């Protein structure tokens, strides 16, 4: 138990650190070779928010543990809304821009419903996974077009693209970050599977809770920091964007590597809870945004309580096994 727990803890810490370094190194190399910042932002920076989940999903699927990968994708979305956005709203009520209501908010809901259509038959295959990847490409193109039309097209990405990192240093961070990213994902999956086997807990539960919370910690830190700095669009945009990438990129991985059936609890429990809390967020952003009101502490409290409720449901499922 202790060894598996240490493996999960070390894996999560190294995963978050290495993902950050890998993205920084990749962005710096692209920048040094003259790649436009908007291209770097749309691809490397945007996808980098889900890098930990993607790498974990890859190695979980390679090991035949697709429920860990799928539980991580769905559980991360639940954690992003219930825990990350809830805590952020409690710390600093968040104004809602009209742009978020009509753009990312609608896309997140559409992608969430689409994920249900992919998972409802308890099977994820190559066709479903390719459809998610096609939607991902379309979403990336949409981001590109939106930023091209914006007067401040690159502002959102500038702070995430190192402009003074030499090629040698960037290459070191790229290689080191990738190596540690791979090793930490392996370590994390090994620890998660070990605990699941030792305590007869389903792998979907481990993926949706321990791993999902750990891989959502960067979003929590970024969203709280953005809210405190009054970068409100970034605080909410981080959550919506991360959730979209989790469903289009992370959820596609199991079907590409190990297509087939998965445990019913992934859809019956995790997906339906994710859909419910996503619908509440969609309605809250729409209503509050139309009223020029904030996503305040009452809603923040509701989201946190919702996440605690989800944790209790998962706990009951784990102890009933």
C-alpha atoms as a PDB file:
ATOM      1  CA  UNK A   1       0.000   0.000   0.000  1.00  0.00           C
ATOM      2  CA  UNK A   2       2.729   2.482   1.011  1.00  0.00           C
ATOM      3  CA  UNK A   3       4.802   1.767  -2.086  1.00  0.00           C
ATOM      4  CA  UNK A   4       1.814   2.187  -4.408  1.00  0.00           C
ATOM      5  CA  UNK A   5       0.779   5.412  -2.659  1.00  0.00           C
ATOM      6  CA  UNK A   6       4.290   6.854  -2.941  1.00  0.00           C
ATOM      7  CA  UNK A   7       4.338   5.879  -6.613  1.00  0.00           C
ATOM      8  CA  UNK A   8       1.081   7.795  -7.206  1.00  0.00           C
ATOM      9  CA  UNK A   9       2.283  10.848  -5.276  1.00  0.00           C
ATOM     10  CA  UNK A  10       5.671  10.931  -6.992  1.00  0.00           C
ATOM     11  CA  UNK A  11       4.068  10.253 -10.358  1.00  0.00           C
ATOM     12  CA  UNK A  12       1.631  13.150 -10.007  1.00  0.00           C
ATOM     13  CA  UNK A  13       4.288  15.641  -8.873  1.00  0.00           C
ATOM     14  CA  UNK A  14       6.706  14.654 -11.633  1.00  0.00           C
ATOM     15  CA  UNK A  15       3.911  14.525 -14.202  1.00  0.00           C
ATOM     16  CA  UNK A  16       2.808  18.106 -13.558  1.00  0.00           C
ATOM     17  CA  UNK A  17       6.395  19.415 -13.464  1.00  0.00           C
ATOM     18  CA  UNK A  18       7.546  17.569 -16.570  1.00  0.00           C
ATOM     19  CA  UNK A  19       4.445  18.552 -18.579  1.00  0.00           C
ATOM     20  CA  UNK A  20       5.169  22.208 -17.854  1.00  0.00           C
ATOM     21  CA  UNK A  21       8.844  21.852 -18.859  1.00  0.00           C
ATOM     22  CA  UNK A  22       7.985  19.831 -21.960  1.00  0.00           C
ATOM     23  CA  UNK A  23       5.504  22.454 -23.156  1.00  0.00           C
ATOM     24  CA  UNK A  24       7.953  25.295 -22.385  1.00  0.00           C
ATOM     25  CA  UNK A  25      10.777  23.559 -24.257  1.00  0.00           C
ATOM     26  CA  UNK A  26       8.549  22.718 -27.228  1.00  0.00           C
ATOM     27  CA  UNK A  27       7.172  26.269 -27.416  1.00  0.00           C
ATOM     28  CA  UNK A  28      10.650  27.794 -27.143  1.00  0.00           C
ATOM     29  CA  UNK A  29      12.055  25.592 -29.935  1.00  0.00           C
ATOM     30  CA  UNK A  30       9.129  26.481 -32.202  1.00  0.00           C
ATOM     31  CA  UNK A  31       9.527  30.171 -31.340  1.00  0.00           C
ATOM     32  CA  UNK A  32      13.266  30.112 -32.045  1.00  0.00           C
ATOM     33  CA  UNK A  33      12.591  28.616 -35.467  1.00  0.00           C
ATOM     34  CA  UNK A  34      10.185  31.430 -36.284  1.00  0.00           C
ATOM     35  CA  UNK A  35       6.866  29.622 -35.943  1.00  0.00           C
ATOM     36  CA  UNK A  36       4.111  32.269 -35.487  1.00  0.00           C
ATOM     37  CA  UNK A  37       2.985  32.632 -31.877  1.00  0.00           C
ATOM     38  CA  UNK A  38      -0.630  31.997 -32.747  1.00  0.00           C
ATOM     39  CA  UNK A  39       0.284  28.592 -34.202  1.00  0.00           C
ATOM     40  CA  UNK A  40       2.362  27.736 -31.113  1.00  0.00           C
ATOM     41  CA  UNK A  41      -0.464  28.870 -28.870  1.00  0.00           C
ATOM     42  CA  UNK A  42      -3.206  26.978 -30.671  1.00  0.00           C
ATOM     43  CA  UNK A  43      -1.236  23.712 -30.769  1.00  0.00           C
ATOM     44  CA  UNK A  44       1.513  23.374 -28.151  1.00  0.00           C
ATOM     45  CA  UNK A  45       0.182  25.706 -25.446  1.00  0.00           C
ATOM     46  CA  UNK A  46      -3.486  24.766 -25.807  1.00  0.00           C
ATOM     47  CA  UNK A  47      -2.937  21.013 -25.944  1.00  0.00           C
ATOM     48  CA  UNK A  48      -0.337  21.323 -23.191  1.00  0.00           C
ATOM     49  CA  UNK A  49      -3.117  21.883 -20.636  1.00  0.00           C
ATOM     50  CA  UNK A  50      -4.187  18.271 -21.140  1.00  0.00           C
ATOM     51  CA  UNK A  51      -0.677  16.812 -21.570  1.00  0.00           C
ATOM     52  CA  UNK A  52      -0.702  14.955 -18.207  1.00  0.00           C
ATOM     53  CA  UNK A  53      -4.091  13.378 -18.939  1.00  0.00           C
ATOM     54  CA  UNK A  54      -3.065  12.445 -22.492  1.00  0.00           C
ATOM     55  CA  UNK A  55       0.180  10.743 -21.452  1.00  0.00           C
ATOM     56  CA  UNK A  56      -1.518   8.890 -18.588  1.00  0.00           C
ATOM     57  CA  UNK A  57      -4.267   7.766 -20.974  1.00  0.00           C
ATOM     58  CA  UNK A  58      -1.703   6.466 -23.463  1.00  0.00           C
ATOM     59  CA  UNK A  59       0.140   4.292 -20.953  1.00  0.00           C
ATOM     60  CA  UNK A  60      -3.035   3.143 -19.227  1.00  0.00           C
ATOM     61  CA  UNK A  61      -4.424   2.049 -22.608  1.00  0.00           C
ATOM     62  CA  UNK A  62      -1.148   0.357 -23.548  1.00  0.00           C
ATOM     63  CA  UNK A  63      -1.447  -1.655 -20.334  1.00  0.00           C
ATOM     64  CA  UNK A  64      -5.035  -2.556 -21.210  1.00  0.00           C
ATOM     65  CA  UNK A  65      -6.403  -0.408 -18.359  1.00  0.00           C
ATOM     66  CA  UNK A  66      -8.749   1.714 -20.445  1.00  0.00           C
ATOM     67  CA  UNK A  67     -11.054   2.436 -17.487  1.00  0.00           C
ATOM     68  CA  UNK A  68      -8.201   4.394 -15.853  1.00  0.00           C
ATOM     69  CA  UNK A  69      -7.828   6.489 -19.002  1.00  0.00           C
ATOM     70  CA  UNK A  70     -11.548   7.069 -19.401  1.00  0.00           C
ATOM     71  CA  UNK A  71     -12.146   7.666 -15.712  1.00  0.00           C
ATOM     72  CA  UNK A  72      -9.328  10.215 -15.765  1.00  0.00           C
ATOM     73  CA  UNK A  73     -10.882  12.126 -18.690  1.00  0.00           C
ATOM     74  CA  UNK A  74     -14.380  12.261 -17.206  1.00  0.00           C
ATOM     75  CA  UNK A  75     -13.216  12.670 -13.611  1.00  0.00           C
ATOM     76  CA  UNK A  76     -10.927  15.549 -14.573  1.00  0.00           C
ATOM     77  CA  UNK A  77     -13.882  17.395 -16.086  1.00  0.00           C
ATOM     78  CA  UNK A  78     -15.923  16.864 -12.932  1.00  0.00           C
ATOM     79  CA  UNK A  79     -12.986  18.059 -10.817  1.00  0.00           C
ATOM     80  CA  UNK A  80     -12.431  21.073 -13.075  1.00  0.00           C
ATOM     81  CA  UNK A  81     -16.000  22.292 -12.569  1.00  0.00           C
ATOM     82  CA  UNK A  82     -16.783  21.095  -9.057  1.00  0.00           C
ATOM     83  CA  UNK A  83     -13.403  21.592  -7.410  1.00  0.00           C
ATOM     84  CA  UNK A  84     -11.360  24.033  -9.517  1.00  0.00           C
ATOM     85  CA  UNK A  85     -14.101  26.430 -10.626  1.00  0.00           C
ATOM     86  CA  UNK A  86     -15.959  26.062  -7.328  1.00  0.00           C
ATOM     87  CA  UNK A  87     -12.914  26.975  -5.229  1.00  0.00           C
ATOM     88  CA  UNK A  88     -11.984  29.794  -7.622  1.00  0.00           C
ATOM     89  CA  UNK A  89     -15.467  31.348  -7.344  1.00  0.00           C
ATOM     90  CA  UNK A  90     -15.306  31.102  -3.547  1.00  0.00           C
ATOM     91  CA  UNK A  91     -11.986  32.965  -3.518  1.00  0.00           C
ATOM     92  CA  UNK A  92     -12.946  35.664  -6.015  1.00  0.00           C
ATOM     93  CA  UNK A  93     -16.396  35.921  -7.682  1.00  0.00           C
ATOM     94  CA  UNK A  94     -15.869  35.851 -11.440  1.00  0.00           C
ATOM     95  CA  UNK A  95     -17.473  38.225 -13.970  1.00  0.00           C
ATOM     96  CA  UNK A  96     -18.661  36.479 -17.147  1.00  0.00           C
ATOM     97  CA  UNK A  97     -17.994  37.885 -20.604  1.00  0.00           C
ATOM     98  CA  UNK A  98     -20.468  37.651 -23.459  1.00  0.00           C
ATOM     99  CA  UNK A  99     -17.762  35.935 -25.535  1.00  0.00           C
ATOM    100  CA  UNK A 100     -17.616  32.964 -23.168  1.00  0.00           C
ATOM    101  CA  UNK A 101     -21.417  32.553 -23.242  1.00  0.00           C
ATOM    102  CA  UNK A 102     -21.652  32.319 -27.002  1.00  0.00           C
ATOM    103  CA  UNK A 103     -18.370  30.557 -27.752  1.00  0.00           C
ATOM    104  CA  UNK A 104     -16.555  28.169 -25.393  1.00  0.00           C
ATOM    105  CA  UNK A 105     -19.642  27.588 -23.233  1.00  0.00           C
ATOM    106  CA  UNK A 106     -21.711  26.323 -26.175  1.00  0.00           C
ATOM    107  CA  UNK A 107     -18.814  24.260 -27.522  1.00  0.00           C
ATOM    108  CA  UNK A 108     -18.216  22.614 -24.145  1.00  0.00           C
ATOM    109  CA  UNK A 109     -21.870  21.572 -23.896  1.00  0.00           C
ATOM    110  CA  UNK A 110     -21.917  20.257 -27.477  1.00  0.00           C
ATOM    111  CA  UNK A 111     -18.723  18.246 -26.911  1.00  0.00           C
ATOM    112  CA  UNK A 112     -20.064  16.866 -23.622  1.00  0.00           C
ATOM    113  CA  UNK A 113     -23.275  15.682 -25.287  1.00  0.00           C
ATOM    114  CA  UNK A 114     -21.234  14.286 -28.179  1.00  0.00           C
ATOM    115  CA  UNK A 115     -19.102  12.283 -25.748  1.00  0.00           C
ATOM    116  CA  UNK A 116     -22.296  10.692 -24.445  1.00  0.00           C
ATOM    117  CA  UNK A 117     -23.191   9.573 -27.957  1.00  0.00           C
ATOM    118  CA  UNK A 118     -19.766   7.953 -28.204  1.00  0.00           C
ATOM    119  CA  UNK A 119     -19.988   6.153 -24.845  1.00  0.00           C
ATOM    120  CA  UNK A 120     -23.670   5.209 -24.485  1.00  0.00           C
ATOM    121  CA  UNK A 121     -23.196   1.644 -25.788  1.00  0.00           C
ATOM    122  CA  UNK A 122     -20.294   0.931 -23.384  1.00  0.00           C
ATOM    123  CA  UNK A 123     -17.886   0.527 -26.297  1.00  0.00           C
ATOM    124  CA  UNK A 124     -15.253   2.911 -27.630  1.00  0.00           C
ATOM    125  CA  UNK A 125     -13.779   1.982 -30.988  1.00  0.00           C
ATOM    126  CA  UNK A 126     -11.634   3.367 -33.772  1.00  0.00           C
ATOM    127  CA  UNK A 127     -14.499   5.125 -35.544  1.00  0.00           C
ATOM    128  CA  UNK A 128     -15.651   6.900 -32.385  1.00  0.00           C
ATOM    129  CA  UNK A 129     -12.081   7.898 -31.479  1.00  0.00           C
ATOM    130  CA  UNK A 130     -11.349   9.253 -34.954  1.00  0.00           C
ATOM    131  CA  UNK A 131     -14.575  11.262 -34.794  1.00  0.00           C
ATOM    132  CA  UNK A 132     -13.352  12.844 -31.549  1.00  0.00           C
ATOM    133  CA  UNK A 133      -9.987  13.671 -33.152  1.00  0.00           C
ATOM    134  CA  UNK A 134     -11.708  15.231 -36.174  1.00  0.00           C
ATOM    135  CA  UNK A 135     -13.739  17.377 -33.778  1.00  0.00           C
ATOM    136  CA  UNK A 136     -10.478  18.297 -32.012  1.00  0.00           C
ATOM    137  CA  UNK A 137      -8.928  19.485 -35.282  1.00  0.00           C
ATOM    138  CA  UNK A 138     -12.048  21.529 -36.027  1.00  0.00           C
ATOM    139  CA  UNK A 139     -11.877  23.066 -32.550  1.00  0.00           C
ATOM    140  CA  UNK A 140      -8.190  23.976 -32.995  1.00  0.00           C
ATOM    141  CA  UNK A 141      -9.000  25.601 -36.340  1.00  0.00           C
ATOM    142  CA  UNK A 142     -11.806  27.527 -34.650  1.00  0.00           C
ATOM    143  CA  UNK A 143      -9.372  28.788 -31.985  1.00  0.00           C
ATOM    144  CA  UNK A 144      -6.969  29.863 -34.717  1.00  0.00           C
ATOM    145  CA  UNK A 145      -9.647  31.774 -36.620  1.00  0.00           C
ATOM    146  CA  UNK A 146     -10.953  33.436 -33.458  1.00  0.00           C
ATOM    147  CA  UNK A 147      -7.502  34.658 -32.477  1.00  0.00           C
ATOM    148  CA  UNK A 148      -6.725  35.824 -36.006  1.00  0.00           C
ATOM    149  CA  UNK A 149      -9.848  37.989 -35.923  1.00  0.00           C
ATOM    150  CA  UNK A 150      -9.065  39.366 -32.468  1.00  0.00           C
ATOM    151  CA  UNK A 151      -7.273  42.661 -32.076  1.00  0.00           C
ATOM    152  CA  UNK A 152      -5.119  41.047 -29.390  1.00  0.00           C
ATOM    153  CA  UNK A 153      -4.711  37.734 -31.144  1.00  0.00           C
ATOM    154  CA  UNK A 154      -1.535  36.614 -29.413  1.00  0.00           C
ATOM    155  CA  UNK A 155      -1.916  38.239 -25.986  1.00  0.00           C
ATOM    156  CA  UNK A 156      -3.418  35.169 -24.379  1.00  0.00           C
ATOM    157  CA  UNK A 157      -0.485  33.006 -25.468  1.00  0.00           C
ATOM    158  CA  UNK A 158       2.450  35.405 -25.043  1.00  0.00           C
ATOM    159  CA  UNK A 159       3.134  34.669 -21.390  1.00  0.00           C
ATOM    160  CA  UNK A 160       3.244  30.934 -22.105  1.00  0.00           C
ATOM    161  CA  UNK A 161       5.768  31.171 -24.953  1.00  0.00           C
ATOM    162  CA  UNK A 162       9.381  31.647 -23.764  1.00  0.00           C
ATOM    163  CA  UNK A 163      10.978  34.328 -25.933  1.00  0.00           C
ATOM    164  CA  UNK A 164      14.487  34.297 -24.472  1.00  0.00           C
ATOM    165  CA  UNK A 165      15.252  30.580 -24.097  1.00  0.00           C
ATOM    166  CA  UNK A 166      18.271  29.453 -26.122  1.00  0.00           C
ATOM    167  CA  UNK A 167      17.915  26.423 -28.388  1.00  0.00           C
ATOM    168  CA  UNK A 168      20.271  24.316 -26.247  1.00  0.00           C
ATOM    169  CA  UNK A 169      18.301  24.965 -23.066  1.00  0.00           C
ATOM    170  CA  UNK A 170      14.986  24.508 -24.888  1.00  0.00           C
ATOM    171  CA  UNK A 171      16.160  21.172 -26.308  1.00  0.00           C
ATOM    172  CA  UNK A 172      17.271  20.000 -22.865  1.00  0.00           C
ATOM    173  CA  UNK A 173      13.887  20.855 -21.346  1.00  0.00           C
ATOM    174  CA  UNK A 174      12.107  19.234 -24.286  1.00  0.00           C
ATOM    175  CA  UNK A 175      14.007  15.934 -24.000  1.00  0.00           C
ATOM    176  CA  UNK A 176      14.099  15.904 -20.191  1.00  0.00           C
ATOM    177  CA  UNK A 177      10.448  16.919 -19.920  1.00  0.00           C
ATOM    178  CA  UNK A 178       9.366  14.217 -22.352  1.00  0.00           C
ATOM    179  CA  UNK A 179      11.446  11.543 -20.613  1.00  0.00           C
ATOM    180  CA  UNK A 180      10.132  12.433 -17.147  1.00  0.00           C
ATOM    181  CA  UNK A 181       6.605  12.774 -18.527  1.00  0.00           C
ATOM    182  CA  UNK A 182       6.745   9.226 -19.851  1.00  0.00           C
ATOM    183  CA  UNK A 183       8.390   7.817 -16.717  1.00  0.00           C
ATOM    184  CA  UNK A 184       6.032   9.570 -14.301  1.00  0.00           C
ATOM    185  CA  UNK A 185       2.967   8.447 -16.265  1.00  0.00           C
ATOM    186  CA  UNK A 186       4.217   4.876 -16.091  1.00  0.00           C
ATOM    187  CA  UNK A 187       4.836   5.217 -12.350  1.00  0.00           C
ATOM    188  CA  UNK A 188       1.406   6.751 -11.774  1.00  0.00           C
ATOM    189  CA  UNK A 189      -0.441   4.036 -13.692  1.00  0.00           C
ATOM    190  CA  UNK A 190       1.540   1.316 -11.912  1.00  0.00           C
ATOM    191  CA  UNK A 191       0.660   2.747  -8.491  1.00  0.00           C
ATOM    192  CA  UNK A 192      -2.995   3.214  -9.434  1.00  0.00           C
ATOM    193  CA  UNK A 193      -3.356  -0.339 -10.721  1.00  0.00           C
ATOM    194  CA  UNK A 194      -1.575  -1.654  -7.621  1.00  0.00           C
ATOM    195  CA  UNK A 195      -3.993   0.066  -5.236  1.00  0.00           C
ATOM    196  CA  UNK A 196      -6.995  -0.966  -7.335  1.00  0.00           C
ATOM    197  CA  UNK A 197      -5.898  -4.624  -7.231  1.00  0.00           C
ATOM    198  CA  UNK A 198      -4.922  -4.617  -3.556  1.00  0.00           C
ATOM    199  CA  UNK A 199      -8.224  -3.172  -2.355  1.00  0.00           C
ATOM    200  CA  UNK A 200     -10.477  -4.592  -5.079  1.00  0.00           C
ATOM    201  CA  UNK A 201     -11.428  -1.069  -6.190  1.00  0.00           C
ATOM    202  CA  UNK A 202     -12.402  -0.596  -9.810  1.00  0.00           C
ATOM    203  CA  UNK A 203      -9.812   1.068 -12.014  1.00  0.00           C
ATOM    204  CA  UNK A 204     -12.471   3.517 -13.213  1.00  0.00           C
ATOM    205  CA  UNK A 205     -12.811   4.847  -9.658  1.00  0.00           C
ATOM    206  CA  UNK A 206      -9.045   5.288  -9.276  1.00  0.00           C
ATOM    207  CA  UNK A 207      -8.876   7.115 -12.598  1.00  0.00           C
ATOM    208  CA  UNK A 208     -11.860   9.345 -11.843  1.00  0.00           C
ATOM    209  CA  UNK A 209     -10.684  10.372  -8.374  1.00  0.00           C
ATOM    210  CA  UNK A 210      -7.013  10.138  -7.384  1.00  0.00           C
ATOM    211  CA  UNK A 211      -5.552  10.584 -10.861  1.00  0.00           C
ATOM    212  CA  UNK A 212      -8.206  13.078 -11.982  1.00  0.00           C
ATOM    213  CA  UNK A 213      -7.680  15.334  -8.968  1.00  0.00           C
ATOM    214  CA  UNK A 214      -3.918  15.188  -9.363  1.00  0.00           C
ATOM    215  CA  UNK A 215      -3.955  16.080 -13.042  1.00  0.00           C
ATOM    216  CA  UNK A 216      -6.459  18.907 -12.356  1.00  0.00           C
ATOM    217  CA  UNK A 217      -4.193  20.641  -9.832  1.00  0.00           C
ATOM    218  CA  UNK A 218      -2.453  22.771 -12.507  1.00  0.00           C
ATOM    219  CA  UNK A 219      -5.854  24.102 -13.616  1.00  0.00           C
ATOM    220  CA  UNK A 220      -6.697  24.888  -9.981  1.00  0.00           C
ATOM    221  CA  UNK A 221      -3.486  26.864  -9.511  1.00  0.00           C
ATOM    222  CA  UNK A 222      -3.850  28.676 -12.849  1.00  0.00           C
ATOM    223  CA  UNK A 223      -7.524  29.538 -12.325  1.00  0.00           C
ATOM    224  CA  UNK A 224      -7.086  30.801  -8.767  1.00  0.00           C
ATOM    225  CA  UNK A 225      -4.085  32.901  -9.814  1.00  0.00           C
ATOM    226  CA  UNK A 226      -6.002  34.297 -12.809  1.00  0.00           C
ATOM    227  CA  UNK A 227      -9.015  35.172 -10.656  1.00  0.00           C
ATOM    228  CA  UNK A 228      -6.844  36.935  -8.056  1.00  0.00           C
ATOM    229  CA  UNK A 229      -5.177  38.931 -10.859  1.00  0.00           C
ATOM    230  CA  UNK A 230      -8.663  39.730 -12.226  1.00  0.00           C
ATOM    231  CA  UNK A 231      -7.929  37.891 -15.488  1.00  0.00           C
ATOM    232  CA  UNK A 232     -11.478  36.577 -15.342  1.00  0.00           C
ATOM    233  CA  UNK A 233     -11.830  35.277 -18.897  1.00  0.00           C
ATOM    234  CA  UNK A 234      -8.693  33.199 -18.372  1.00  0.00           C
ATOM    235  CA  UNK A 235     -10.023  31.758 -15.101  1.00  0.00           C
ATOM    236  CA  UNK A 236     -13.208  30.417 -16.708  1.00  0.00           C
ATOM    237  CA  UNK A 237     -11.634  29.877 -20.122  1.00  0.00           C
ATOM    238  CA  UNK A 238      -9.037  27.541 -18.603  1.00  0.00           C
ATOM    239  CA  UNK A 239     -11.801  25.289 -17.283  1.00  0.00           C
ATOM    240  CA  UNK A 240     -13.892  25.259 -20.459  1.00  0.00           C
ATOM    241  CA  UNK A 241     -10.864  24.710 -22.690  1.00  0.00           C
ATOM    242  CA  UNK A 242      -9.432  21.962 -20.505  1.00  0.00           C
ATOM    243  CA  UNK A 243     -12.768  20.128 -20.437  1.00  0.00           C
ATOM    244  CA  UNK A 244     -13.083  20.305 -24.212  1.00  0.00           C
ATOM    245  CA  UNK A 245      -9.553  18.957 -24.716  1.00  0.00           C
ATOM    246  CA  UNK A 246     -10.113  16.188 -22.167  1.00  0.00           C
ATOM    247  CA  UNK A 247     -13.129  14.889 -24.074  1.00  0.00           C
ATOM    248  CA  UNK A 248     -11.720  15.306 -27.582  1.00  0.00           C
ATOM    249  CA  UNK A 249      -8.073  14.352 -27.027  1.00  0.00           C
ATOM    250  CA  UNK A 250      -7.856  12.241 -23.849  1.00  0.00           C
ATOM    251  CA  UNK A 251     -11.061  10.277 -24.347  1.00  0.00           C
ATOM    252  CA  UNK A 252      -9.986   9.361 -27.892  1.00  0.00           C
ATOM    253  CA  UNK A 253      -6.810   7.608 -26.712  1.00  0.00           C
ATOM    254  CA  UNK A 254      -8.315   4.326 -25.387  1.00  0.00           C
ATOM    255  CA  UNK A 255     -10.255   3.748 -28.600  1.00  0.00           C
ATOM    256  CA  UNK A 256      -7.165   4.291 -30.728  1.00  0.00           C
ATOM    257  CA  UNK A 257      -4.861   2.023 -28.710  1.00  0.00           C
ATOM    258  CA  UNK A 258      -7.184  -0.574 -27.172  1.00  0.00           C
ATOM    259  CA  UNK A 259     -10.648  -0.306 -28.773  1.00  0.00           C
ATOM    260  CA  UNK A 260     -13.389  -2.325 -27.161  1.00  0.00           C
ATOM    261  CA  UNK A 261     -15.841  -2.462 -24.288  1.00  0.00           C
ATOM    262  CA  UNK A 262     -15.427  -0.744 -20.937  1.00  0.00           C
ATOM    263  CA  UNK A 263     -16.997  -0.998 -17.476  1.00  0.00           C
ATOM    264  CA  UNK A 264     -20.600   0.248 -17.391  1.00  0.00           C
ATOM    265  CA  UNK A 265     -19.875   2.486 -14.378  1.00  0.00           C
ATOM    266  CA  UNK A 266     -17.811   4.799 -16.583  1.00  0.00           C
ATOM    267  CA  UNK A 267     -20.959   5.821 -18.453  1.00  0.00           C
ATOM    268  CA  UNK A 268     -23.663   5.111 -15.872  1.00  0.00           C
ATOM    269  CA  UNK A 269     -21.984   7.042 -13.052  1.00  0.00           C
ATOM    270  CA  UNK A 270     -19.094   9.212 -14.231  1.00  0.00           C
ATOM    271  CA  UNK A 271     -20.476  10.408 -17.560  1.00  0.00           C
ATOM    272  CA  UNK A 272     -23.945  11.223 -16.226  1.00  0.00           C
ATOM    273  CA  UNK A 273     -22.530  13.166 -13.296  1.00  0.00           C
ATOM    274  CA  UNK A 274     -20.190  15.035 -15.651  1.00  0.00           C
ATOM    275  CA  UNK A 275     -23.122  15.852 -17.933  1.00  0.00           C
ATOM    276  CA  UNK A 276     -25.263  17.061 -15.025  1.00  0.00           C
ATOM    277  CA  UNK A 277     -22.616  19.379 -13.567  1.00  0.00           C
ATOM    278  CA  UNK A 278     -21.709  20.613 -17.075  1.00  0.00           C
ATOM    279  CA  UNK A 279     -25.363  21.506 -17.716  1.00  0.00           C
ATOM    280  CA  UNK A 280     -25.474  23.469 -14.465  1.00  0.00           C
ATOM    281  CA  UNK A 281     -22.310  25.351 -15.462  1.00  0.00           C
ATOM    282  CA  UNK A 282     -23.714  26.029 -18.941  1.00  0.00           C
ATOM    283  CA  UNK A 283     -26.954  27.418 -17.482  1.00  0.00           C
ATOM    284  CA  UNK A 284     -25.103  29.437 -14.825  1.00  0.00           C
ATOM    285  CA  UNK A 285     -22.793  31.083 -17.366  1.00  0.00           C
ATOM    286  CA  UNK A 286     -25.697  31.782 -19.724  1.00  0.00           C
ATOM    287  CA  UNK A 287     -28.055  33.246 -17.108  1.00  0.00           C
ATOM    288  CA  UNK A 288     -25.472  35.152 -15.082  1.00  0.00           C
ATOM    289  CA  UNK A 289     -23.736  36.399 -18.194  1.00  0.00           C
ATOM    290  CA  UNK A 290     -26.973  37.736 -19.674  1.00  0.00           C
ATOM    291  CA  UNK A 291     -27.635  39.562 -16.396  1.00  0.00           C
ATOM    292  CA  UNK A 292     -24.060  40.935 -16.322  1.00  0.00           C
ATOM    293  CA  UNK A 293     -23.745  39.185 -12.970  1.00  0.00           C
ATOM    294  CA  UNK A 294     -20.825  37.231 -11.557  1.00  0.00           C
ATOM    295  CA  UNK A 295     -20.209  33.566 -11.014  1.00  0.00           C
ATOM    296  CA  UNK A 296     -20.289  34.153  -7.280  1.00  0.00           C
ATOM    297  CA  UNK A 297     -19.839  32.379  -3.994  1.00  0.00           C
ATOM    298  CA  UNK A 298     -23.295  30.780  -3.960  1.00  0.00           C
ATOM    299  CA  UNK A 299     -22.579  29.007  -7.219  1.00  0.00           C
ATOM    300  CA  UNK A 300     -19.042  28.280  -6.057  1.00  0.00           C
ATOM    301  CA  UNK A 301     -20.454  26.635  -2.940  1.00  0.00           C
ATOM    302  CA  UNK A 302     -22.882  24.622  -5.062  1.00  0.00           C
ATOM    303  CA  UNK A 303     -20.101  23.314  -7.291  1.00  0.00           C
ATOM    304  CA  UNK A 304     -17.878  22.360  -4.342  1.00  0.00           C
ATOM    305  CA  UNK A 305     -20.792  20.566  -2.631  1.00  0.00           C
ATOM    306  CA  UNK A 306     -21.520  18.809  -5.924  1.00  0.00           C
ATOM    307  CA  UNK A 307     -17.954  17.556  -6.073  1.00  0.00           C
ATOM    308  CA  UNK A 308     -18.113  16.353  -2.474  1.00  0.00           C
ATOM    309  CA  UNK A 309     -21.344  14.551  -3.373  1.00  0.00           C
ATOM    310  CA  UNK A 310     -19.638  12.887  -6.320  1.00  0.00           C
ATOM    311  CA  UNK A 311     -16.793  11.839  -4.044  1.00  0.00           C
ATOM    312  CA  UNK A 312     -19.287  10.300  -1.626  1.00  0.00           C
ATOM    313  CA  UNK A 313     -21.020   8.403  -4.441  1.00  0.00           C
ATOM    314  CA  UNK A 314     -17.666   7.054  -5.584  1.00  0.00           C
ATOM    315  CA  UNK A 315     -16.762   6.155  -1.982  1.00  0.00           C
ATOM    316  CA  UNK A 316     -19.974   4.162  -1.612  1.00  0.00           C
ATOM    317  CA  UNK A 317     -19.213   2.375  -4.879  1.00  0.00           C
ATOM    318  CA  UNK A 318     -15.694   1.565  -3.716  1.00  0.00           C
ATOM    319  CA  UNK A 319     -16.718   0.252  -0.292  1.00  0.00           C
ATOM    320  CA  UNK A 320     -19.560  -1.792  -1.763  1.00  0.00           C
ATOM    321  CA  UNK A 321     -17.131  -3.769  -3.898  1.00  0.00           C
END
